[in-house]
Amino acid sequence: MEYMEKLQNSINFIKERTNIVPTIGIIFGSGLGDLGDKIKNSHIIKYEEIPNFPKSTVEGHKGQLILGQLGNKNVVAMQGRFHYYEGYPLKDVVFPVRVMIGLGIETLIVTNAAGGVDENFTPGDLMIINDHINITGKNPLVGPNLDELGPRFLDMTRAYDNELIKLAKNVGKDIGIDLKEGVYMWFTGPSYETPAEVRLARILGASAVGMSTVPEVIVAVHQGIKVLGISCITNMAAGILDQPLSHEEVIETSLKVKGKFEKLIVGILSNYNKGCNR
């Protein structure tokens, strides 16, 4: 079955099960998915039920799609994403983003758990992503271009929407969250970065490192979708504090900050379209 046919089959399957037309898509990173449980009038579809969908294998990811209302907006949210390190081709990793766009979203909010490279950060900080570095050499657009979805050669100058960044900052200020801002660097994982790789990341201008997000952002921009990225700094990256890293620490820190994370996301949604230049 061709990629576009698989994509349309998945979109049709979801549309047959809900009359909600989402305008905003949200991807919840590790430990951040509890906000999905607060989506109102929700319709939940397990990934394994959706034709052609991969299956999430990461602890802390519920592996389901939720459609409903959050912050007075129609949303579709992923409780759990897919990663290149799980063994999926990048076209499969980003397939759900293509599906969400097919369902009607015009804006995508991507969140993740990340390691802090900027030594001014503290675990528990929330960082607005203003740019990214793809150090992996991998790109989901490699191969025949899907001309009906986007251009062969993609401009990534404004991958993260300036107006959305401004809105997020204003909301953070209003609710008393000291938001950080910086550049996210994508490593494939699943091994954490070495201290030397973290030093390299800092030299190259990265503020945080992680194992996701960049492929999703590339395909969203490919299809003309506005993107807002938010990293939860769950730990300081390798070599900074001279202590071992663990996925348990990532989840633990994410759970500690979920209250302010939820307030921020709901605040952004509630104020979106009221004018990003508040």
C-alpha atoms as a PDB file:
ATOM      1  CA  MET A   1       0.000   0.000   0.000  1.00  0.00           C
ATOM      2  CA  GLU A   2       1.362   3.436  -0.926  1.00  0.00           C
ATOM      3  CA  TYR A   3       2.174   5.952   1.824  1.00  0.00           C
ATOM      4  CA  MET A   4      -0.578   8.393   0.833  1.00  0.00           C
ATOM      5  CA  GLU A   5      -3.132   5.587   0.785  1.00  0.00           C
ATOM      6  CA  LYS A   6      -2.051   4.442   4.258  1.00  0.00           C
ATOM      7  CA  LEU A   7      -2.272   8.025   5.467  1.00  0.00           C
ATOM      8  CA  GLN A   8      -5.782   8.501   4.118  1.00  0.00           C
ATOM      9  CA  ASN A   9      -6.935   5.178   5.589  1.00  0.00           C
ATOM     10  CA  SER A  10      -5.806   6.261   9.058  1.00  0.00           C
ATOM     11  CA  ILE A  11      -7.440   9.682   8.696  1.00  0.00           C
ATOM     12  CA  ASN A  12     -10.710   8.165   7.516  1.00  0.00           C
ATOM     13  CA  PHE A  13     -10.709   5.631  10.381  1.00  0.00           C
ATOM     14  CA  ILE A  14     -10.471   8.415  12.966  1.00  0.00           C
ATOM     15  CA  LYS A  15     -13.006  10.658  11.237  1.00  0.00           C
ATOM     16  CA  GLU A  16     -15.533   7.812  11.254  1.00  0.00           C
ATOM     17  CA  ARG A  17     -15.271   7.619  15.058  1.00  0.00           C
ATOM     18  CA  THR A  18     -15.603  11.276  16.031  1.00  0.00           C
ATOM     19  CA  ASN A  19     -17.131  14.459  14.674  1.00  0.00           C
ATOM     20  CA  ILE A  20     -14.482  16.621  16.358  1.00  0.00           C
ATOM     21  CA  VAL A  21     -12.442  18.661  13.884  1.00  0.00           C
ATOM     22  CA  PRO A  22      -9.256  19.666  15.724  1.00  0.00           C
ATOM     23  CA  THR A  23      -7.444  22.906  14.971  1.00  0.00           C
ATOM     24  CA  ILE A  24      -4.510  22.287  17.333  1.00  0.00           C
ATOM     25  CA  GLY A  25      -2.393  19.177  17.733  1.00  0.00           C
ATOM     26  CA  ILE A  26      -0.388  18.411  20.883  1.00  0.00           C
ATOM     27  CA  ILE A  27       2.353  15.838  21.381  1.00  0.00           C
ATOM     28  CA  PHE A  28       3.038  15.014  25.017  1.00  0.00           C
ATOM     29  CA  GLY A  29       6.576  13.984  25.921  1.00  0.00           C
ATOM     30  CA  SER A  30       7.721  11.509  28.579  1.00  0.00           C
ATOM     31  CA  GLY A  31       5.933  12.083  31.876  1.00  0.00           C
ATOM     32  CA  LEU A  32       3.874  14.998  30.502  1.00  0.00           C
ATOM     33  CA  GLY A  33       0.857  13.098  29.203  1.00  0.00           C
ATOM     34  CA  ASP A  34      -1.437  13.502  32.225  1.00  0.00           C
ATOM     35  CA  LEU A  35      -2.783  16.731  30.752  1.00  0.00           C
ATOM     36  CA  GLY A  36      -4.449  14.578  28.119  1.00  0.00           C
ATOM     37  CA  ASP A  37      -6.714  13.203  30.843  1.00  0.00           C
ATOM     38  CA  LYS A  38      -8.150  16.716  31.305  1.00  0.00           C
ATOM     39  CA  ILE A  39      -9.358  17.020  27.714  1.00  0.00           C
ATOM     40  CA  LYS A  40     -13.139  17.474  27.824  1.00  0.00           C
ATOM     41  CA  ASN A  41     -15.718  15.592  25.760  1.00  0.00           C
ATOM     42  CA  SER A  42     -12.863  13.328  24.854  1.00  0.00           C
ATOM     43  CA  HIS A  43     -12.801  10.503  22.371  1.00  0.00           C
ATOM     44  CA  ILE A  44      -9.868   8.151  22.996  1.00  0.00           C
ATOM     45  CA  ILE A  45      -8.451   5.843  20.349  1.00  0.00           C
ATOM     46  CA  LYS A  46      -5.636   3.444  21.172  1.00  0.00           C
ATOM     47  CA  TYR A  47      -2.773   3.501  18.693  1.00  0.00           C
ATOM     48  CA  GLU A  48      -3.100  -0.222  18.048  1.00  0.00           C
ATOM     49  CA  GLU A  49      -6.662   0.343  16.827  1.00  0.00           C
ATOM     50  CA  ILE A  50      -5.653   2.844  14.149  1.00  0.00           C
ATOM     51  CA  PRO A  51      -4.666   1.309  10.804  1.00  0.00           C
ATOM     52  CA  ASN A  52      -0.984   1.761   9.899  1.00  0.00           C
ATOM     53  CA  PHE A  53      -0.077   3.399  13.225  1.00  0.00           C
ATOM     54  CA  PRO A  54       3.137   2.328  14.977  1.00  0.00           C
ATOM     55  CA  LYS A  55       2.955   1.187  18.594  1.00  0.00           C
ATOM     56  CA  SER A  56       4.560   3.157  21.416  1.00  0.00           C
ATOM     57  CA  THR A  57       7.065   1.133  23.444  1.00  0.00           C
ATOM     58  CA  VAL A  58       8.363   3.763  25.869  1.00  0.00           C
ATOM     59  CA  GLU A  59       7.618   3.708  29.596  1.00  0.00           C
ATOM     60  CA  GLY A  60       5.555   6.764  30.576  1.00  0.00           C
ATOM     61  CA  HIS A  61       3.729   6.889  27.228  1.00  0.00           C
ATOM     62  CA  LYS A  62       0.083   5.745  27.236  1.00  0.00           C
ATOM     63  CA  GLY A  63      -0.031   5.152  23.504  1.00  0.00           C
ATOM     64  CA  GLN A  64      -3.339   6.742  22.571  1.00  0.00           C
ATOM     65  CA  LEU A  65      -4.861   9.557  20.566  1.00  0.00           C
ATOM     66  CA  ILE A  66      -7.327  11.894  22.305  1.00  0.00           C
ATOM     67  CA  LEU A  67      -9.729  14.239  20.532  1.00  0.00           C
ATOM     68  CA  GLY A  68     -11.781  16.785  22.457  1.00  0.00           C
ATOM     69  CA  GLN A  69     -11.652  20.269  23.967  1.00  0.00           C
ATOM     70  CA  LEU A  70      -8.866  21.833  25.996  1.00  0.00           C
ATOM     71  CA  GLY A  71      -8.579  25.542  26.748  1.00  0.00           C
ATOM     72  CA  ASN A  72     -11.793  26.040  24.741  1.00  0.00           C
ATOM     73  CA  LYS A  73     -10.110  24.714  21.593  1.00  0.00           C
ATOM     74  CA  ASN A  74     -10.732  21.564  19.602  1.00  0.00           C
ATOM     75  CA  VAL A  75      -7.555  19.517  19.954  1.00  0.00           C
ATOM     76  CA  VAL A  76      -6.072  16.186  19.028  1.00  0.00           C
ATOM     77  CA  ALA A  77      -3.384  15.012  21.430  1.00  0.00           C
ATOM     78  CA  MET A  78      -0.849  12.219  21.334  1.00  0.00           C
ATOM     79  CA  GLN A  79      -0.270  10.584  24.714  1.00  0.00           C
ATOM     80  CA  GLY A  80       2.996   9.050  23.684  1.00  0.00           C
ATOM     81  CA  ARG A  81       5.096   9.571  20.583  1.00  0.00           C
ATOM     82  CA  PHE A  82       7.336   7.423  18.436  1.00  0.00           C
ATOM     83  CA  HIS A  83      11.111   7.583  18.283  1.00  0.00           C
ATOM     84  CA  TYR A  84      13.716   6.633  15.747  1.00  0.00           C
ATOM     85  CA  TYR A  85      15.518   4.627  18.459  1.00  0.00           C
ATOM     86  CA  GLU A  86      12.533   2.271  18.730  1.00  0.00           C
ATOM     87  CA  GLY A  87      13.536   0.952  15.334  1.00  0.00           C
ATOM     88  CA  TYR A  88      10.897   2.696  13.246  1.00  0.00           C
ATOM     89  CA  PRO A  89      11.794   4.350   9.943  1.00  0.00           C
ATOM     90  CA  LEU A  90      11.451   8.114  10.226  1.00  0.00           C
ATOM     91  CA  LYS A  91       8.451   8.076   7.869  1.00  0.00           C
ATOM     92  CA  ASP A  92       6.675   5.934  10.495  1.00  0.00           C
ATOM     93  CA  VAL A  93       7.893   8.115  13.372  1.00  0.00           C
ATOM     94  CA  VAL A  94       6.229  11.176  11.820  1.00  0.00           C
ATOM     95  CA  PHE A  95       3.193   9.356  10.408  1.00  0.00           C
ATOM     96  CA  PRO A  96       0.904  10.441  13.301  1.00  0.00           C
ATOM     97  CA  VAL A  97       1.804  14.097  12.676  1.00  0.00           C
ATOM     98  CA  ARG A  98       0.752  13.705   9.044  1.00  0.00           C
ATOM     99  CA  VAL A  99      -2.496  12.137  10.288  1.00  0.00           C
ATOM    100  CA  MET A 100      -3.193  15.010  12.709  1.00  0.00           C
ATOM    101  CA  ILE A 101      -2.674  17.479   9.892  1.00  0.00           C
ATOM    102  CA  GLY A 102      -5.085  15.454   7.754  1.00  0.00           C
ATOM    103  CA  LEU A 103      -7.641  15.729  10.565  1.00  0.00           C
ATOM    104  CA  GLY A 104      -7.502  19.528  10.302  1.00  0.00           C
ATOM    105  CA  ILE A 105      -4.870  20.964  12.656  1.00  0.00           C
ATOM    106  CA  GLU A 106      -3.284  24.275  11.729  1.00  0.00           C
ATOM    107  CA  THR A 107      -0.976  24.483  14.755  1.00  0.00           C
ATOM    108  CA  LEU A 108       1.197  21.867  16.469  1.00  0.00           C
ATOM    109  CA  ILE A 109       2.485  22.070  20.042  1.00  0.00           C
ATOM    110  CA  VAL A 110       5.354  19.641  20.591  1.00  0.00           C
ATOM    111  CA  THR A 111       6.628  18.922  24.091  1.00  0.00           C
ATOM    112  CA  ASN A 112       9.470  16.766  25.302  1.00  0.00           C
ATOM    113  CA  ALA A 113      11.680  15.834  28.208  1.00  0.00           C
ATOM    114  CA  ALA A 114      15.221  17.095  27.616  1.00  0.00           C
ATOM    115  CA  GLY A 115      18.624  17.250  29.239  1.00  0.00           C
ATOM    116  CA  GLY A 116      19.859  20.707  30.121  1.00  0.00           C
ATOM    117  CA  VAL A 117      23.071  21.814  28.412  1.00  0.00           C
ATOM    118  CA  ASP A 118      22.857  25.459  29.470  1.00  0.00           C
ATOM    119  CA  GLU A 119      24.380  25.476  32.957  1.00  0.00           C
ATOM    120  CA  ASN A 120      21.988  28.247  34.011  1.00  0.00           C
ATOM    121  CA  PHE A 121      19.123  25.767  33.746  1.00  0.00           C
ATOM    122  CA  THR A 122      17.748  23.753  36.662  1.00  0.00           C
ATOM    123  CA  PRO A 123      15.857  20.445  36.451  1.00  0.00           C
ATOM    124  CA  GLY A 124      12.171  21.329  36.342  1.00  0.00           C
ATOM    125  CA  ASP A 125      12.633  24.389  34.111  1.00  0.00           C
ATOM    126  CA  LEU A 126      10.437  24.754  31.025  1.00  0.00           C
ATOM    127  CA  MET A 127      12.245  25.907  27.897  1.00  0.00           C
ATOM    128  CA  ILE A 128      10.596  27.425  24.843  1.00  0.00           C
ATOM    129  CA  ILE A 129      12.348  26.050  21.757  1.00  0.00           C
ATOM    130  CA  ASN A 130      13.314  28.848  19.384  1.00  0.00           C
ATOM    131  CA  ASP A 131      15.374  26.696  17.011  1.00  0.00           C
ATOM    132  CA  HIS A 132      16.859  23.235  16.713  1.00  0.00           C
ATOM    133  CA  ILE A 133      20.002  21.449  15.581  1.00  0.00           C
ATOM    134  CA  ASN A 134      19.679  18.112  13.818  1.00  0.00           C
ATOM    135  CA  ILE A 135      23.013  16.446  14.528  1.00  0.00           C
ATOM    136  CA  THR A 136      21.855  12.967  13.514  1.00  0.00           C
ATOM    137  CA  GLY A 137      22.117  13.301   9.754  1.00  0.00           C
ATOM    138  CA  LYS A 138      18.628  11.791   9.548  1.00  0.00           C
ATOM    139  CA  ASN A 139      15.658  13.546   7.948  1.00  0.00           C
ATOM    140  CA  PRO A 140      12.072  12.292   7.488  1.00  0.00           C
ATOM    141  CA  LEU A 141      11.878  13.963   4.059  1.00  0.00           C
ATOM    142  CA  VAL A 142      14.627  11.793   2.565  1.00  0.00           C
ATOM    143  CA  GLY A 143      13.295   9.782  -0.376  1.00  0.00           C
ATOM    144  CA  PRO A 144      10.652  10.633  -2.963  1.00  0.00           C
ATOM    145  CA  ASN A 145       8.935  13.895  -2.042  1.00  0.00           C
ATOM    146  CA  LEU A 146       5.213  13.854  -1.338  1.00  0.00           C
ATOM    147  CA  ASP A 147       4.483  16.790  -3.628  1.00  0.00           C
ATOM    148  CA  GLU A 148       0.829  16.931  -2.588  1.00  0.00           C
ATOM    149  CA  LEU A 149       1.934  17.609   0.991  1.00  0.00           C
ATOM    150  CA  GLY A 150       4.847  20.007   0.657  1.00  0.00           C
ATOM    151  CA  PRO A 151       7.919  21.191  -1.260  1.00  0.00           C
ATOM    152  CA  ARG A 152      10.984  19.133  -2.139  1.00  0.00           C
ATOM    153  CA  PHE A 153      13.366  21.684  -0.593  1.00  0.00           C
ATOM    154  CA  LEU A 154      12.049  23.037   2.688  1.00  0.00           C
ATOM    155  CA  ASP A 155      12.899  26.405   4.250  1.00  0.00           C
ATOM    156  CA  MET A 156      13.451  25.937   8.003  1.00  0.00           C
ATOM    157  CA  THR A 157      14.337  29.559   8.790  1.00  0.00           C
ATOM    158  CA  ARG A 158      11.190  30.021  10.899  1.00  0.00           C
ATOM    159  CA  ALA A 159      10.481  26.457  11.989  1.00  0.00           C
ATOM    160  CA  TYR A 160       9.221  27.668  15.388  1.00  0.00           C
ATOM    161  CA  ASP A 161       6.585  30.352  15.026  1.00  0.00           C
ATOM    162  CA  ASN A 162       7.615  33.709  16.482  1.00  0.00           C
ATOM    163  CA  GLU A 163       4.073  34.744  17.370  1.00  0.00           C
ATOM    164  CA  LEU A 164       3.477  31.499  19.259  1.00  0.00           C
ATOM    165  CA  ILE A 165       6.748  31.979  21.125  1.00  0.00           C
ATOM    166  CA  LYS A 166       5.657  35.490  22.066  1.00  0.00           C
ATOM    167  CA  LEU A 167       2.272  34.199  23.219  1.00  0.00           C
ATOM    168  CA  ALA A 168       3.885  31.480  25.346  1.00  0.00           C
ATOM    169  CA  LYS A 169       6.185  34.024  26.989  1.00  0.00           C
ATOM    170  CA  ASN A 170       3.266  36.331  27.766  1.00  0.00           C
ATOM    171  CA  VAL A 171       1.235  33.487  29.261  1.00  0.00           C
ATOM    172  CA  GLY A 172       4.222  32.353  31.320  1.00  0.00           C
ATOM    173  CA  LYS A 173       4.656  35.872  32.653  1.00  0.00           C
ATOM    174  CA  ASP A 174       0.945  36.155  33.472  1.00  0.00           C
ATOM    175  CA  ILE A 175       0.913  32.920  35.508  1.00  0.00           C
ATOM    176  CA  GLY A 176       4.295  33.402  37.135  1.00  0.00           C
ATOM    177  CA  ILE A 177       6.391  30.798  35.315  1.00  0.00           C
ATOM    178  CA  ASP A 178      10.013  31.714  34.649  1.00  0.00           C
ATOM    179  CA  LEU A 179      10.259  30.292  31.141  1.00  0.00           C
ATOM    180  CA  LYS A 180      13.650  29.657  29.609  1.00  0.00           C
ATOM    181  CA  GLU A 181      14.314  29.845  25.882  1.00  0.00           C
ATOM    182  CA  GLY A 182      16.861  28.099  23.730  1.00  0.00           C
ATOM    183  CA  VAL A 183      17.966  25.668  21.042  1.00  0.00           C
ATOM    184  CA  TYR A 184      17.119  21.957  21.137  1.00  0.00           C
ATOM    185  CA  MET A 185      19.561  19.430  19.690  1.00  0.00           C
ATOM    186  CA  TRP A 186      18.320  16.043  18.474  1.00  0.00           C
ATOM    187  CA  PHE A 187      20.360  12.918  19.138  1.00  0.00           C
ATOM    188  CA  THR A 188      18.922   9.561  18.079  1.00  0.00           C
ATOM    189  CA  GLY A 189      19.263   7.814  21.460  1.00  0.00           C
ATOM    190  CA  PRO A 190      18.480   5.509  23.150  1.00  0.00           C
ATOM    191  CA  SER A 191      21.840   5.912  24.873  1.00  0.00           C
ATOM    192  CA  TYR A 192      22.200   9.227  26.643  1.00  0.00           C
ATOM    193  CA  GLU A 193      24.806  11.633  25.349  1.00  0.00           C
ATOM    194  CA  THR A 194      28.377  11.366  26.597  1.00  0.00           C
ATOM    195  CA  PRO A 195      29.977  14.280  28.466  1.00  0.00           C
ATOM    196  CA  ALA A 196      32.066  14.981  25.351  1.00  0.00           C
ATOM    197  CA  GLU A 197      28.942  15.078  23.169  1.00  0.00           C
ATOM    198  CA  VAL A 198      27.332  17.475  25.622  1.00  0.00           C
ATOM    199  CA  ARG A 199      30.370  19.744  25.448  1.00  0.00           C
ATOM    200  CA  LEU A 200      30.112  19.609  21.651  1.00  0.00           C
ATOM    201  CA  ALA A 201      26.404  20.475  21.857  1.00  0.00           C
ATOM    202  CA  ARG A 202      27.221  23.526  23.966  1.00  0.00           C
ATOM    203  CA  ILE A 203      29.917  24.678  21.550  1.00  0.00           C
ATOM    204  CA  LEU A 204      27.461  24.335  18.656  1.00  0.00           C
ATOM    205  CA  GLY A 205      24.879  26.472  20.446  1.00  0.00           C
ATOM    206  CA  ALA A 206      22.487  23.931  21.986  1.00  0.00           C
ATOM    207  CA  SER A 207      20.674  24.728  25.208  1.00  0.00           C
ATOM    208  CA  ALA A 208      19.137  21.263  25.649  1.00  0.00           C
ATOM    209  CA  VAL A 209      19.446  17.793  24.139  1.00  0.00           C
ATOM    210  CA  GLY A 210      16.898  15.071  23.525  1.00  0.00           C
ATOM    211  CA  MET A 211      15.779  12.120  21.424  1.00  0.00           C
ATOM    212  CA  SER A 212      12.638  13.352  19.670  1.00  0.00           C
ATOM    213  CA  THR A 213      10.714  16.360  18.318  1.00  0.00           C
ATOM    214  CA  VAL A 214      12.896  17.428  15.380  1.00  0.00           C
ATOM    215  CA  PRO A 215      11.461  14.931  12.829  1.00  0.00           C
ATOM    216  CA  GLU A 216       7.920  15.921  13.875  1.00  0.00           C
ATOM    217  CA  VAL A 217       8.690  19.607  13.468  1.00  0.00           C
ATOM    218  CA  ILE A 218      10.218  19.069  10.020  1.00  0.00           C
ATOM    219  CA  VAL A 219       7.102  17.369   8.621  1.00  0.00           C
ATOM    220  CA  ALA A 220       4.787  19.902  10.274  1.00  0.00           C
ATOM    221  CA  VAL A 221       6.678  22.743   8.610  1.00  0.00           C
ATOM    222  CA  HIS A 222       6.690  20.717   5.374  1.00  0.00           C
ATOM    223  CA  GLN A 223       2.898  20.949   5.397  1.00  0.00           C
ATOM    224  CA  GLY A 224       2.716  24.612   6.417  1.00  0.00           C
ATOM    225  CA  ILE A 225       1.758  24.049  10.062  1.00  0.00           C
ATOM    226  CA  LYS A 226       2.708  26.575  12.766  1.00  0.00           C
ATOM    227  CA  VAL A 227       4.829  25.000  15.513  1.00  0.00           C
ATOM    228  CA  LEU A 228       5.427  25.766  19.185  1.00  0.00           C
ATOM    229  CA  GLY A 229       8.008  23.656  21.005  1.00  0.00           C
ATOM    230  CA  ILE A 230       8.407  23.294  24.782  1.00  0.00           C
ATOM    231  CA  SER A 231      11.058  21.234  26.568  1.00  0.00           C
ATOM    232  CA  CYS A 232      10.824  20.154  30.182  1.00  0.00           C
ATOM    233  CA  ILE A 233      14.396  20.133  31.493  1.00  0.00           C
ATOM    234  CA  THR A 234      14.243  16.909  33.483  1.00  0.00           C
ATOM    235  CA  ASN A 235      17.944  16.597  34.243  1.00  0.00           C
ATOM    236  CA  MET A 236      21.241  18.248  33.519  1.00  0.00           C
ATOM    237  CA  ALA A 237      22.975  16.564  30.600  1.00  0.00           C
ATOM    238  CA  ALA A 238      25.884  14.160  31.090  1.00  0.00           C
ATOM    239  CA  GLY A 239      29.050  15.513  32.674  1.00  0.00           C
ATOM    240  CA  ILE A 240      27.559  18.692  34.126  1.00  0.00           C
ATOM    241  CA  LEU A 241      26.718  17.346  37.597  1.00  0.00           C
ATOM    242  CA  ASP A 242      28.954  14.232  37.440  1.00  0.00           C
ATOM    243  CA  GLN A 243      26.110  11.833  38.157  1.00  0.00           C
ATOM    244  CA  PRO A 244      24.536   8.985  36.161  1.00  0.00           C
ATOM    245  CA  LEU A 245      21.392   9.562  34.097  1.00  0.00           C
ATOM    246  CA  SER A 246      18.239   7.447  34.150  1.00  0.00           C
ATOM    247  CA  HIS A 247      14.802   7.348  32.549  1.00  0.00           C
ATOM    248  CA  GLU A 248      13.319   7.103  36.050  1.00  0.00           C
ATOM    249  CA  GLU A 249      14.770  10.531  36.851  1.00  0.00           C
ATOM    250  CA  VAL A 250      13.224  11.911  33.649  1.00  0.00           C
ATOM    251  CA  ILE A 251       9.762  10.657  34.610  1.00  0.00           C
ATOM    252  CA  GLU A 252      10.112  11.745  38.238  1.00  0.00           C
ATOM    253  CA  THR A 253      11.034  15.323  37.334  1.00  0.00           C
ATOM    254  CA  SER A 254       8.312  15.521  34.676  1.00  0.00           C
ATOM    255  CA  LEU A 255       5.708  14.536  37.246  1.00  0.00           C
ATOM    256  CA  LYS A 256       6.959  17.184  39.670  1.00  0.00           C
ATOM    257  CA  VAL A 257       6.489  19.982  37.143  1.00  0.00           C
ATOM    258  CA  LYS A 258       3.261  18.756  35.559  1.00  0.00           C
ATOM    259  CA  GLY A 259       1.205  21.363  37.425  1.00  0.00           C
ATOM    260  CA  LYS A 260       2.973  24.365  35.918  1.00  0.00           C
ATOM    261  CA  PHE A 261       3.287  22.591  32.567  1.00  0.00           C
ATOM    262  CA  GLU A 262      -0.485  22.060  32.466  1.00  0.00           C
ATOM    263  CA  LYS A 263      -1.166  25.692  33.427  1.00  0.00           C
ATOM    264  CA  LEU A 264       1.127  26.891  30.668  1.00  0.00           C
ATOM    265  CA  ILE A 265      -0.417  24.722  27.940  1.00  0.00           C
ATOM    266  CA  VAL A 266      -3.994  25.521  28.949  1.00  0.00           C
ATOM    267  CA  GLY A 267      -3.111  29.223  29.160  1.00  0.00           C
ATOM    268  CA  ILE A 268      -1.604  29.172  25.687  1.00  0.00           C
ATOM    269  CA  LEU A 269      -4.647  27.416  24.246  1.00  0.00           C
ATOM    270  CA  SER A 270      -7.090  29.721  26.038  1.00  0.00           C
ATOM    271  CA  ASN A 271      -5.372  32.847  24.709  1.00  0.00           C
ATOM    272  CA  TYR A 272      -4.561  31.595  21.234  1.00  0.00           C
ATOM    273  CA  ASN A 273      -6.408  33.521  18.502  1.00  0.00           C
ATOM    274  CA  LYS A 274      -7.097  36.338  20.947  1.00  0.00           C
ATOM    275  CA  GLY A 275      -4.007  37.930  19.475  1.00  0.00           C
ATOM    276  CA  CYS A 276      -0.474  36.750  19.970  1.00  0.00           C
ATOM    277  CA  ASN A 277       0.642  40.348  20.506  1.00  0.00           C
ATOM    278  CA  ARG A 278      -1.196  40.664  23.827  1.00  0.00           C
END
